[in-house]
Every structure is written in C-alpha cells, then in structure tokens.
Amino acid sequence: MARTDTNTIKPNTKSIVQRAGTDRSHDARLTSEERRHHTRLPFHTEVDVHEITSAGTVTNAQRCSTVDVSPAGLGFLSRKTYPVGSKLVLILRLPDHREKLLFGVVRAGNYAADARYQVGVELMPEADFARQRGVSAWLSQHHAH
C-alpha cells in the first residue's frame, strides 16, 4: 500500500468569509453556505471513506467521489448515507498518485441523485481520533507515519 501523507490539504486559495467580525458558524438559522468560513473549490478525485463506529472500530472502505474541498472541509458523493456527527477516516487520492490521510466529522448529508448522497465533512486534527484504541490499532496496521 502507498505511504500516506498526513499533512492537511491546503488549496491555493484561503478566502475567508467575514461576517462583521462575528463567528456565526453554529447559528442554526443560517444555511450551510452562510455558516461556512472558507470558499469551497471544485475538486474531483476518489476518496476511501471509513466510518469510526461507536465502539471505536474502523469499518471497511467505501470508495466515493469528491466534489469540493476547502481548508476546513471536504464534500463527496456516496452510495451510503452517513448520519450527521459520524466520525470518518478519509484516504484521499491526490492527482500525483499519493494518498492523503484525513479525519473528519459529517456536518451535512443530502440526497443528490442516482441513488447517491452528497456528504459534507469538517476536517479535524488526527489527534482527536488517533487516541481511540480501535483507530490507533487500525492506523498502525494500515498507515505508517
């Protein structure tokens, strides 16, 4: 298996939406676009999505297609639904054939078309996930740092 790069993805643009100097990212009255702090850029590649169960184990991968990316998140299309709050391990296939290991939490999910769902994930630091015994064991077996 290819060595996985664990640095976070940082697109060339880091446009930040400023809302009068206040953080309204958790205001339930706003749409996801109004809460978002970073501009999403179209980004199309494959991503292997592993769900972290409530018991802390990592599921087998579901191959999905990315839709967009920002410094703080990733959108992808999936045949499987992921409930909001689900914790995920993502292995992103970069254009140069490297893999990028990412961790995130599902923040949105909607039916798209063709029996596929569009899923929005907020990226999180690896440390927030790697402390779990099952995740730590999975990482040591599948991805060298």
Foldseek 3Di string as FASTA:
>chain_A
DFAAAADADADPDFQFDDDPPDQPLPPPVDDNVVNDGGDKDFDWDKKWKWWQDPLRATHGTFIWIWGTDHSFKTKIKGLDDDDFQIKIWMWTQDPVRHTYTWIWTWHDWDDDDPSIIITMTTTDDPVVRCVRPNNVVVCVVPHDD
